[in-house]
């Protein structure tokens, strides 16, 4: 879960990029987060096992600073499918945190993510190539103010997909260290 100040700044970034009129499904500011582990649909018992595992994984990791530094896209800006904000400072710490969570949850019979973890903050999903060239130009021209914040906890979040978009509910906040 990100601080409200960061969500507000990302919302301002989105409002500048919306001017490209590209066919993007923008992430609502209140839903902006960094996914460390996606569990999919699980039972209530598995939710408790996941929360316990996350708490255990965080015991050996202390708080750290994180910086969000630039806008990019998967697989790249010219063929964008997902727009994101990159993690710069704190990247190694975030990767370590994700690996700890992944390893502990694996011991609790959760499936290991086969793809490497790439720290990022998703801000939009491209629905079609309409306006993508204009968006790419705008991203390259828009100065990005580095966003810094302290990571001192992890939220376990339940997501529910509705026609209007994803609804997120925080199930637990687990402190680092």
N, C-alpha and C. Protein backbone atom coordinates (compact mmCIF):
# COMPACT_ATOMS: atom_id res chain seq x y z
N UNK A 1 0.86 -1.17 0.00
CA UNK A 1 0.00 0.00 0.00
C UNK A 1 0.90 1.24 0.00
N UNK A 2 0.55 2.19 -0.82
CA UNK A 2 1.38 3.39 -0.97
C UNK A 2 0.81 4.56 -0.18
N UNK A 3 1.69 5.47 0.26
CA UNK A 3 1.20 6.67 0.96
C UNK A 3 0.28 7.50 0.05
N UNK A 4 -0.68 8.19 0.65
CA UNK A 4 -1.62 9.01 -0.12
C UNK A 4 -0.91 10.07 -0.95
N UNK A 5 0.20 10.61 -0.43
CA UNK A 5 0.93 11.64 -1.19
C UNK A 5 1.46 11.08 -2.50
N UNK A 6 1.92 9.83 -2.48
CA UNK A 6 2.43 9.18 -3.70
C UNK A 6 1.27 8.92 -4.66
N UNK A 7 0.14 8.46 -4.13
CA UNK A 7 -1.04 8.21 -4.98
C UNK A 7 -1.48 9.50 -5.66
N UNK A 8 -1.45 10.60 -4.93
CA UNK A 8 -1.84 11.90 -5.49
C UNK A 8 -0.89 12.31 -6.61
N UNK A 9 0.40 12.13 -6.40
CA UNK A 9 1.38 12.50 -7.42
C UNK A 9 1.25 11.62 -8.67
N UNK A 10 0.96 10.34 -8.47
CA UNK A 10 0.76 9.44 -9.62
C UNK A 10 -0.53 9.83 -10.35
N UNK A 11 -1.55 10.23 -9.61
CA UNK A 11 -2.79 10.70 -10.22
C UNK A 11 -2.52 11.93 -11.10
N UNK A 12 -1.68 12.84 -10.63
CA UNK A 12 -1.32 14.02 -11.43
C UNK A 12 -0.56 13.61 -12.69
N UNK A 13 0.31 12.62 -12.58
CA UNK A 13 1.02 12.10 -13.75
C UNK A 13 0.03 11.52 -14.75
N UNK A 14 -0.90 10.69 -14.27
CA UNK A 14 -1.92 10.11 -15.15
C UNK A 14 -2.71 11.19 -15.86
N UNK A 15 -3.08 12.25 -15.13
CA UNK A 15 -3.89 13.32 -15.75
C UNK A 15 -3.12 14.02 -16.87
N UNK A 16 -1.79 14.08 -16.76
CA UNK A 16 -1.00 14.65 -17.86
C UNK A 16 -0.95 13.69 -19.05
N UNK A 17 -0.83 12.39 -18.77
CA UNK A 17 -0.72 11.41 -19.84
C UNK A 17 -2.06 11.14 -20.54
N UNK A 18 -3.16 11.38 -19.84
CA UNK A 18 -4.49 11.19 -20.43
C UNK A 18 -4.68 12.09 -21.64
N UNK A 19 -3.96 13.21 -21.68
CA UNK A 19 -4.08 14.16 -22.79
C UNK A 19 -3.72 13.53 -24.13
N UNK A 20 -3.00 12.41 -24.12
CA UNK A 20 -2.64 11.73 -25.37
C UNK A 20 -3.86 11.07 -26.02
N UNK A 21 -4.92 10.91 -25.25
CA UNK A 21 -6.16 10.28 -25.72
C UNK A 21 -5.91 8.86 -26.26
N UNK A 22 -4.97 8.18 -25.65
CA UNK A 22 -4.69 6.79 -26.01
C UNK A 22 -5.75 5.90 -25.36
N UNK A 23 -5.91 4.71 -25.91
CA UNK A 23 -6.90 3.76 -25.41
C UNK A 23 -6.30 2.98 -24.23
N UNK A 24 -6.30 3.64 -23.08
CA UNK A 24 -5.69 3.09 -21.86
C UNK A 24 -6.74 2.96 -20.78
N UNK A 25 -6.72 1.84 -20.07
CA UNK A 25 -7.52 1.68 -18.86
C UNK A 25 -6.60 2.09 -17.70
N UNK A 26 -6.81 3.30 -17.18
CA UNK A 26 -5.94 3.84 -16.14
C UNK A 26 -6.29 3.23 -14.79
N UNK A 27 -5.29 2.97 -13.99
CA UNK A 27 -5.50 2.46 -12.64
C UNK A 27 -6.00 3.62 -11.78
N UNK A 28 -7.10 3.39 -11.07
CA UNK A 28 -7.64 4.43 -10.20
C UNK A 28 -6.63 4.73 -9.09
N UNK A 29 -6.49 6.01 -8.74
CA UNK A 29 -5.49 6.39 -7.73
C UNK A 29 -5.58 5.58 -6.43
N UNK A 30 -6.79 5.30 -5.97
CA UNK A 30 -6.94 4.56 -4.71
C UNK A 30 -6.50 3.10 -4.85
N UNK A 31 -6.35 2.62 -6.10
CA UNK A 31 -5.96 1.23 -6.33
C UNK A 31 -4.48 1.05 -6.66
N UNK A 32 -3.73 2.13 -6.70
CA UNK A 32 -2.33 2.05 -7.09
C UNK A 32 -1.53 1.34 -6.00
N UNK A 33 -0.74 0.35 -6.42
CA UNK A 33 0.05 -0.45 -5.48
C UNK A 33 1.19 -1.14 -6.24
N UNK A 34 2.10 -1.73 -5.51
CA UNK A 34 3.15 -2.57 -6.08
C UNK A 34 2.82 -4.00 -5.68
N UNK A 35 2.60 -4.87 -6.65
CA UNK A 35 2.28 -6.26 -6.37
C UNK A 35 3.56 -7.04 -6.08
N UNK A 36 3.63 -7.63 -4.90
CA UNK A 36 4.78 -8.47 -4.54
C UNK A 36 4.50 -9.94 -4.81
N UNK A 37 3.24 -10.34 -4.65
CA UNK A 37 2.85 -11.72 -4.88
C UNK A 37 1.36 -11.75 -5.17
N UNK A 38 0.98 -12.35 -6.30
CA UNK A 38 -0.43 -12.51 -6.63
C UNK A 38 -0.81 -13.95 -6.33
N UNK A 39 -1.83 -14.14 -5.52
CA UNK A 39 -2.22 -15.48 -5.09
C UNK A 39 -3.41 -16.04 -5.85
N UNK A 40 -4.15 -15.20 -6.54
CA UNK A 40 -5.34 -15.67 -7.23
C UNK A 40 -6.47 -15.91 -6.25
N UNK A 41 -7.43 -16.69 -6.66
CA UNK A 41 -8.58 -16.97 -5.81
C UNK A 41 -8.22 -18.09 -4.84
N UNK A 42 -8.32 -17.79 -3.53
CA UNK A 42 -7.97 -18.78 -2.51
C UNK A 42 -9.04 -18.81 -1.43
N UNK A 43 -9.07 -19.92 -0.70
CA UNK A 43 -10.06 -20.09 0.38
C UNK A 43 -9.69 -19.23 1.58
N UNK A 44 -10.64 -19.10 2.49
CA UNK A 44 -10.43 -18.33 3.72
C UNK A 44 -9.25 -18.91 4.52
N UNK A 45 -9.15 -20.23 4.57
CA UNK A 45 -8.05 -20.87 5.30
C UNK A 45 -6.71 -20.52 4.66
N UNK A 46 -6.66 -20.48 3.34
CA UNK A 46 -5.43 -20.15 2.62
C UNK A 46 -5.08 -18.67 2.82
N UNK A 47 -6.09 -17.81 2.97
CA UNK A 47 -5.83 -16.40 3.24
C UNK A 47 -5.08 -16.27 4.56
N UNK A 48 -5.52 -16.99 5.58
CA UNK A 48 -4.84 -16.93 6.88
C UNK A 48 -3.42 -17.47 6.78
N UNK A 49 -3.23 -18.54 6.02
CA UNK A 49 -1.88 -19.10 5.82
C UNK A 49 -0.99 -18.09 5.10
N UNK A 50 -1.56 -17.37 4.14
CA UNK A 50 -0.80 -16.36 3.41
C UNK A 50 -0.41 -15.20 4.33
N UNK A 51 -1.36 -14.73 5.14
CA UNK A 51 -1.07 -13.62 6.06
C UNK A 51 0.00 -14.02 7.07
N UNK A 52 -0.09 -15.23 7.60
CA UNK A 52 0.92 -15.72 8.55
C UNK A 52 2.28 -15.80 7.86
N UNK A 53 2.30 -16.29 6.64
CA UNK A 53 3.54 -16.39 5.88
C UNK A 53 4.17 -15.04 5.60
N UNK A 54 3.34 -14.07 5.24
CA UNK A 54 3.85 -12.71 4.97
C UNK A 54 4.45 -12.12 6.24
N UNK A 55 3.76 -12.27 7.37
CA UNK A 55 4.29 -11.76 8.64
C UNK A 55 5.66 -12.38 8.95
N UNK A 56 5.76 -13.68 8.75
CA UNK A 56 7.04 -14.38 9.01
C UNK A 56 8.13 -13.88 8.06
N UNK A 57 7.80 -13.71 6.80
CA UNK A 57 8.79 -13.26 5.80
C UNK A 57 9.34 -11.87 6.13
N UNK A 58 8.52 -11.03 6.73
CA UNK A 58 8.92 -9.65 7.00
C UNK A 58 9.74 -9.48 8.27
N UNK A 59 9.80 -10.50 9.11
CA UNK A 59 10.48 -10.40 10.40
C UNK A 59 11.94 -10.00 10.28
N UNK A 60 12.61 -10.45 9.24
CA UNK A 60 14.06 -10.21 9.12
C UNK A 60 14.40 -9.02 8.22
N UNK A 61 13.39 -8.32 7.73
CA UNK A 61 13.63 -7.20 6.82
C UNK A 61 13.20 -5.90 7.48
N UNK A 62 14.12 -4.96 7.57
CA UNK A 62 13.81 -3.67 8.17
C UNK A 62 13.25 -2.70 7.15
N UNK A 63 12.68 -1.59 7.63
CA UNK A 63 12.15 -0.55 6.74
C UNK A 63 13.25 -0.02 5.81
N UNK A 64 12.84 0.49 4.65
CA UNK A 64 13.79 1.04 3.68
C UNK A 64 13.13 2.13 2.86
N UNK A 65 13.95 2.92 2.19
CA UNK A 65 13.47 4.00 1.32
C UNK A 65 13.27 3.48 -0.10
N UNK A 66 12.23 3.98 -0.75
CA UNK A 66 11.93 3.60 -2.13
C UNK A 66 11.78 4.87 -2.95
N UNK A 67 12.29 4.86 -4.17
CA UNK A 67 12.13 5.99 -5.09
C UNK A 67 11.50 5.48 -6.38
N UNK A 68 10.47 6.18 -6.82
CA UNK A 68 9.86 5.92 -8.12
C UNK A 68 10.44 6.94 -9.08
N UNK A 69 10.94 6.47 -10.24
CA UNK A 69 11.82 7.36 -11.00
C UNK A 69 11.43 7.72 -12.43
N UNK A 70 10.68 6.91 -13.13
CA UNK A 70 10.38 7.23 -14.53
C UNK A 70 9.20 6.39 -15.00
N UNK A 71 8.62 6.80 -16.12
CA UNK A 71 7.53 6.04 -16.72
C UNK A 71 8.11 5.14 -17.80
N UNK A 72 7.64 3.91 -17.84
CA UNK A 72 8.05 2.96 -18.86
C UNK A 72 6.87 2.08 -19.22
N UNK A 73 7.14 1.01 -19.96
CA UNK A 73 6.06 0.11 -20.38
C UNK A 73 6.59 -1.30 -20.61
N UNK A 74 5.71 -2.26 -20.44
CA UNK A 74 6.00 -3.64 -20.83
C UNK A 74 5.32 -3.88 -22.16
N UNK A 75 5.93 -4.49 -23.17
CA UNK A 75 7.33 -4.88 -23.18
C UNK A 75 8.28 -3.69 -23.41
N UNK A 76 7.78 -2.62 -24.07
CA UNK A 76 8.54 -1.37 -24.24
C UNK A 76 7.55 -0.28 -24.63
N UNK A 77 8.00 0.97 -24.67
CA UNK A 77 7.08 2.09 -24.96
C UNK A 77 6.47 2.01 -26.35
N UNK A 78 7.20 1.51 -27.33
CA UNK A 78 6.67 1.46 -28.69
C UNK A 78 5.60 0.38 -28.88
N UNK A 79 5.65 -0.66 -28.07
CA UNK A 79 4.65 -1.74 -28.15
C UNK A 79 3.99 -1.95 -26.79
N UNK A 80 3.69 -0.87 -26.12
CA UNK A 80 3.21 -0.91 -24.73
C UNK A 80 1.94 -1.73 -24.56
N UNK A 81 1.94 -2.54 -23.51
CA UNK A 81 0.74 -3.27 -23.07
C UNK A 81 0.37 -2.80 -21.66
N UNK A 82 1.40 -2.54 -20.84
CA UNK A 82 1.20 -2.04 -19.48
C UNK A 82 2.12 -0.84 -19.28
N UNK A 83 1.55 0.27 -18.81
CA UNK A 83 2.35 1.44 -18.45
C UNK A 83 2.68 1.35 -16.97
N UNK A 84 3.91 1.71 -16.62
CA UNK A 84 4.33 1.61 -15.23
C UNK A 84 5.27 2.72 -14.84
N UNK A 85 5.43 2.88 -13.53
CA UNK A 85 6.43 3.77 -12.97
C UNK A 85 7.50 2.87 -12.37
N UNK A 86 8.75 3.17 -12.69
CA UNK A 86 9.87 2.32 -12.30
C UNK A 86 10.31 2.57 -10.86
N UNK A 87 10.76 1.51 -10.22
CA UNK A 87 11.36 1.60 -8.89
C UNK A 87 12.86 1.74 -9.09
N UNK A 88 13.44 2.78 -8.50
CA UNK A 88 14.89 3.01 -8.63
C UNK A 88 15.56 2.69 -7.29
N UNK A 89 15.61 3.67 -6.41
CA UNK A 89 16.21 3.45 -5.08
C UNK A 89 15.32 2.48 -4.30
N UNK A 90 15.95 1.52 -3.65
CA UNK A 90 15.19 0.52 -2.90
C UNK A 90 14.82 -0.69 -3.74
N UNK A 91 15.25 -0.71 -4.99
CA UNK A 91 14.93 -1.81 -5.90
C UNK A 91 15.43 -3.15 -5.35
N UNK A 92 16.70 -3.20 -4.93
CA UNK A 92 17.26 -4.45 -4.40
C UNK A 92 16.53 -4.89 -3.14
N UNK A 93 16.20 -3.94 -2.28
CA UNK A 93 15.48 -4.26 -1.05
C UNK A 93 14.10 -4.82 -1.37
N UNK A 94 13.44 -4.23 -2.37
CA UNK A 94 12.11 -4.69 -2.76
C UNK A 94 12.18 -6.10 -3.36
N UNK A 95 13.20 -6.34 -4.17
CA UNK A 95 13.39 -7.68 -4.75
C UNK A 95 13.64 -8.69 -3.63
N UNK A 96 14.47 -8.34 -2.66
CA UNK A 96 14.73 -9.22 -1.53
C UNK A 96 13.45 -9.50 -0.75
N UNK A 97 12.66 -8.46 -0.52
CA UNK A 97 11.38 -8.60 0.18
C UNK A 97 10.46 -9.56 -0.57
N UNK A 98 10.37 -9.38 -1.87
CA UNK A 98 9.52 -10.24 -2.69
C UNK A 98 10.01 -11.69 -2.64
N UNK A 99 11.32 -11.89 -2.72
CA UNK A 99 11.88 -13.26 -2.66
C UNK A 99 11.58 -13.92 -1.32
N UNK A 100 11.69 -13.15 -0.24
CA UNK A 100 11.38 -13.69 1.09
C UNK A 100 9.93 -14.15 1.16
N UNK A 101 9.03 -13.31 0.67
CA UNK A 101 7.60 -13.66 0.67
C UNK A 101 7.37 -14.89 -0.20
N UNK A 102 7.95 -14.89 -1.38
CA UNK A 102 7.81 -16.02 -2.32
C UNK A 102 8.30 -17.32 -1.67
N UNK A 103 9.47 -17.28 -1.04
CA UNK A 103 10.06 -18.48 -0.44
C UNK A 103 9.22 -19.00 0.72
N UNK A 104 8.78 -18.11 1.60
CA UNK A 104 7.97 -18.54 2.75
C UNK A 104 6.63 -19.11 2.29
N UNK A 105 5.99 -18.44 1.34
CA UNK A 105 4.68 -18.92 0.87
C UNK A 105 4.82 -20.26 0.13
N UNK A 106 5.94 -20.47 -0.53
CA UNK A 106 6.19 -21.75 -1.21
C UNK A 106 6.21 -22.88 -0.18
N UNK A 107 6.78 -22.63 1.01
CA UNK A 107 6.81 -23.66 2.05
C UNK A 107 5.40 -23.93 2.60
N UNK A 108 4.47 -23.03 2.31
CA UNK A 108 3.08 -23.21 2.74
C UNK A 108 2.20 -23.65 1.56
N UNK A 109 2.84 -24.23 0.56
CA UNK A 109 2.16 -24.83 -0.60
C UNK A 109 1.48 -23.84 -1.53
N UNK A 110 1.99 -22.62 -1.59
CA UNK A 110 1.55 -21.68 -2.62
C UNK A 110 2.48 -21.84 -3.82
N UNK A 111 1.93 -21.68 -4.99
CA UNK A 111 2.70 -21.85 -6.22
C UNK A 111 3.72 -20.72 -6.37
N UNK A 112 4.93 -21.10 -6.75
CA UNK A 112 6.00 -20.12 -6.97
C UNK A 112 5.78 -19.43 -8.32
N UNK A 113 5.97 -18.12 -8.36
CA UNK A 113 5.85 -17.35 -9.60
C UNK A 113 7.04 -17.71 -10.50
N UNK A 114 6.78 -18.20 -11.72
CA UNK A 114 7.89 -18.62 -12.59
C UNK A 114 8.66 -17.45 -13.22
N UNK A 115 8.00 -16.31 -13.37
CA UNK A 115 8.66 -15.16 -14.01
C UNK A 115 9.47 -14.38 -12.99
N UNK A 116 10.57 -13.77 -13.44
CA UNK A 116 11.34 -12.94 -12.50
C UNK A 116 10.54 -11.73 -12.05
N UNK A 117 10.76 -11.31 -10.82
CA UNK A 117 10.07 -10.15 -10.27
C UNK A 117 10.71 -8.88 -10.80
N UNK A 118 9.91 -8.02 -11.41
CA UNK A 118 10.36 -6.73 -11.93
C UNK A 118 9.62 -5.64 -11.17
N UNK A 119 10.26 -5.01 -10.19
CA UNK A 119 9.58 -4.00 -9.37
C UNK A 119 9.04 -2.85 -10.21
N UNK A 120 7.75 -2.60 -10.10
CA UNK A 120 7.12 -1.51 -10.84
C UNK A 120 5.76 -1.19 -10.21
N UNK A 121 5.25 -0.05 -10.60
CA UNK A 121 3.95 0.41 -10.15
C UNK A 121 3.09 0.55 -11.41
N UNK A 122 2.19 -0.38 -11.65
CA UNK A 122 1.34 -0.33 -12.85
C UNK A 122 0.39 0.86 -12.75
N UNK A 123 0.32 1.66 -13.82
CA UNK A 123 -0.59 2.81 -13.82
C UNK A 123 -1.63 2.74 -14.92
N UNK A 124 -1.44 1.85 -15.90
CA UNK A 124 -2.43 1.74 -16.97
C UNK A 124 -2.21 0.52 -17.83
N UNK A 125 -3.31 0.02 -18.40
CA UNK A 125 -3.26 -1.13 -19.31
C UNK A 125 -3.75 -0.68 -20.68
N UNK A 126 -2.95 -0.97 -21.69
CA UNK A 126 -3.27 -0.55 -23.06
C UNK A 126 -4.33 -1.49 -23.62
N UNK A 127 -5.45 -0.91 -24.10
CA UNK A 127 -6.53 -1.71 -24.66
C UNK A 127 -6.40 -1.88 -26.17
N UNK A 128 -5.84 -0.87 -26.83
CA UNK A 128 -5.63 -0.94 -28.28
C UNK A 128 -4.50 0.02 -28.64
N UNK A 129 -3.95 -0.08 -29.86
CA UNK A 129 -2.84 0.80 -30.24
C UNK A 129 -3.25 2.25 -30.52
N UNK A 130 -4.55 2.54 -30.46
CA UNK A 130 -5.03 3.90 -30.74
C UNK A 130 -4.34 4.93 -29.84
N UNK A 131 -3.69 5.91 -30.45
CA UNK A 131 -3.06 7.00 -29.70
C UNK A 131 -1.76 6.64 -29.03
N UNK A 132 -1.25 5.43 -29.27
CA UNK A 132 -0.04 4.98 -28.59
C UNK A 132 1.19 5.80 -28.97
N UNK A 133 1.29 6.18 -30.23
CA UNK A 133 2.42 7.01 -30.67
C UNK A 133 2.43 8.35 -29.95
N UNK A 134 1.25 8.97 -29.85
CA UNK A 134 1.14 10.25 -29.14
C UNK A 134 1.49 10.08 -27.67
N UNK A 135 1.02 8.98 -27.08
CA UNK A 135 1.32 8.71 -25.67
C UNK A 135 2.83 8.52 -25.47
N UNK A 136 3.46 7.76 -26.36
CA UNK A 136 4.91 7.54 -26.26
C UNK A 136 5.66 8.86 -26.31
N UNK A 137 5.27 9.73 -27.25
CA UNK A 137 5.90 11.05 -27.34
C UNK A 137 5.69 11.85 -26.05
N UNK A 138 4.47 11.80 -25.52
CA UNK A 138 4.15 12.55 -24.31
C UNK A 138 4.96 12.03 -23.11
N UNK A 139 5.09 10.70 -23.01
CA UNK A 139 5.88 10.11 -21.92
C UNK A 139 7.32 10.60 -22.00
N UNK A 140 7.87 10.61 -23.21
CA UNK A 140 9.27 11.04 -23.39
C UNK A 140 9.45 12.53 -23.10
N UNK A 141 8.41 13.33 -23.31
CA UNK A 141 8.50 14.78 -23.10
C UNK A 141 8.13 15.21 -21.68
N UNK A 142 7.40 14.37 -20.97
CA UNK A 142 6.91 14.75 -19.64
C UNK A 142 7.99 14.52 -18.59
N UNK A 143 8.44 15.61 -17.94
CA UNK A 143 9.44 15.42 -16.89
C UNK A 143 8.83 14.64 -15.72
N UNK A 144 9.63 13.79 -15.13
CA UNK A 144 9.15 12.99 -14.01
C UNK A 144 9.88 13.40 -12.75
N UNK A 145 9.12 13.83 -11.77
CA UNK A 145 9.69 14.18 -10.47
C UNK A 145 9.81 12.90 -9.65
N UNK A 146 11.03 12.58 -9.22
CA UNK A 146 11.25 11.38 -8.42
C UNK A 146 10.37 11.42 -7.17
N UNK A 147 9.72 10.29 -6.90
CA UNK A 147 8.83 10.18 -5.75
C UNK A 147 9.49 9.27 -4.72
N UNK A 148 9.73 9.80 -3.53
CA UNK A 148 10.40 9.04 -2.47
C UNK A 148 9.44 8.76 -1.31
N UNK A 149 9.55 7.57 -0.76
CA UNK A 149 8.78 7.26 0.45
C UNK A 149 9.44 6.10 1.19
N UNK A 150 9.03 5.94 2.43
CA UNK A 150 9.58 4.90 3.31
C UNK A 150 8.64 3.69 3.29
N UNK A 151 9.22 2.53 3.10
CA UNK A 151 8.46 1.27 3.16
C UNK A 151 8.68 0.69 4.55
N UNK A 152 7.60 0.60 5.32
CA UNK A 152 7.72 0.04 6.66
C UNK A 152 6.67 -1.02 6.95
N UNK A 153 5.87 -1.34 5.94
CA UNK A 153 4.85 -2.38 6.10
C UNK A 153 4.42 -2.87 4.73
N UNK A 154 3.76 -4.01 4.73
CA UNK A 154 3.21 -4.61 3.52
C UNK A 154 1.73 -4.87 3.79
N UNK A 155 0.91 -4.60 2.80
CA UNK A 155 -0.52 -4.88 2.93
C UNK A 155 -0.85 -6.16 2.17
N UNK A 156 -1.62 -7.01 2.82
CA UNK A 156 -2.19 -8.18 2.14
C UNK A 156 -3.55 -7.71 1.65
N UNK A 157 -3.73 -7.76 0.33
CA UNK A 157 -4.91 -7.16 -0.28
C UNK A 157 -5.72 -8.20 -1.05
N UNK A 158 -7.03 -8.13 -0.86
CA UNK A 158 -7.96 -8.96 -1.63
C UNK A 158 -8.46 -8.12 -2.80
N UNK A 159 -8.47 -8.71 -3.98
CA UNK A 159 -9.02 -7.97 -5.13
C UNK A 159 -10.26 -8.71 -5.65
N UNK A 160 -11.20 -7.91 -6.08
CA UNK A 160 -12.45 -8.44 -6.63
C UNK A 160 -12.73 -7.66 -7.90
N UNK A 161 -12.94 -8.38 -8.99
CA UNK A 161 -13.16 -7.72 -10.27
C UNK A 161 -14.65 -7.50 -10.53
N UNK A 162 -15.00 -6.24 -10.74
CA UNK A 162 -16.37 -5.87 -11.13
C UNK A 162 -16.31 -5.24 -12.51
N UNK A 163 -17.46 -5.01 -13.11
CA UNK A 163 -17.49 -4.41 -14.45
C UNK A 163 -16.86 -3.02 -14.46
N UNK A 164 -16.91 -2.33 -13.33
CA UNK A 164 -16.34 -0.98 -13.24
C UNK A 164 -14.84 -1.00 -12.97
N UNK A 165 -14.29 -2.18 -12.70
CA UNK A 165 -12.86 -2.31 -12.42
C UNK A 165 -12.62 -3.09 -11.14
N UNK A 166 -11.38 -3.18 -10.75
CA UNK A 166 -11.01 -3.94 -9.55
C UNK A 166 -11.37 -3.18 -8.28
N UNK A 167 -11.84 -3.93 -7.30
CA UNK A 167 -12.11 -3.41 -5.97
C UNK A 167 -11.09 -4.07 -5.04
N UNK A 168 -10.35 -3.25 -4.28
CA UNK A 168 -9.32 -3.76 -3.39
C UNK A 168 -9.72 -3.55 -1.94
N UNK A 169 -9.49 -4.59 -1.13
CA UNK A 169 -9.75 -4.52 0.30
C UNK A 169 -8.50 -4.98 1.04
N UNK A 170 -8.00 -4.15 1.95
CA UNK A 170 -6.84 -4.53 2.75
C UNK A 170 -7.29 -5.53 3.81
N UNK A 171 -6.68 -6.71 3.81
CA UNK A 171 -7.00 -7.73 4.80
C UNK A 171 -6.11 -7.59 6.03
N UNK A 172 -4.88 -7.15 5.81
CA UNK A 172 -3.94 -7.03 6.93
C UNK A 172 -2.77 -6.13 6.53
N UNK A 173 -2.28 -5.38 7.51
CA UNK A 173 -1.02 -4.65 7.36
C UNK A 173 0.02 -5.39 8.19
N UNK A 174 1.11 -5.80 7.55
CA UNK A 174 2.17 -6.50 8.26
C UNK A 174 3.41 -5.61 8.30
N UNK A 175 3.92 -5.30 9.50
CA UNK A 175 5.08 -4.41 9.61
C UNK A 175 6.39 -5.10 9.22
N UNK A 176 7.32 -4.33 8.69
CA UNK A 176 8.66 -4.85 8.41
C UNK A 176 9.44 -4.87 9.71
N UNK A 177 10.35 -5.86 9.81
CA UNK A 177 11.24 -5.94 10.98
C UNK A 177 10.49 -6.36 12.18
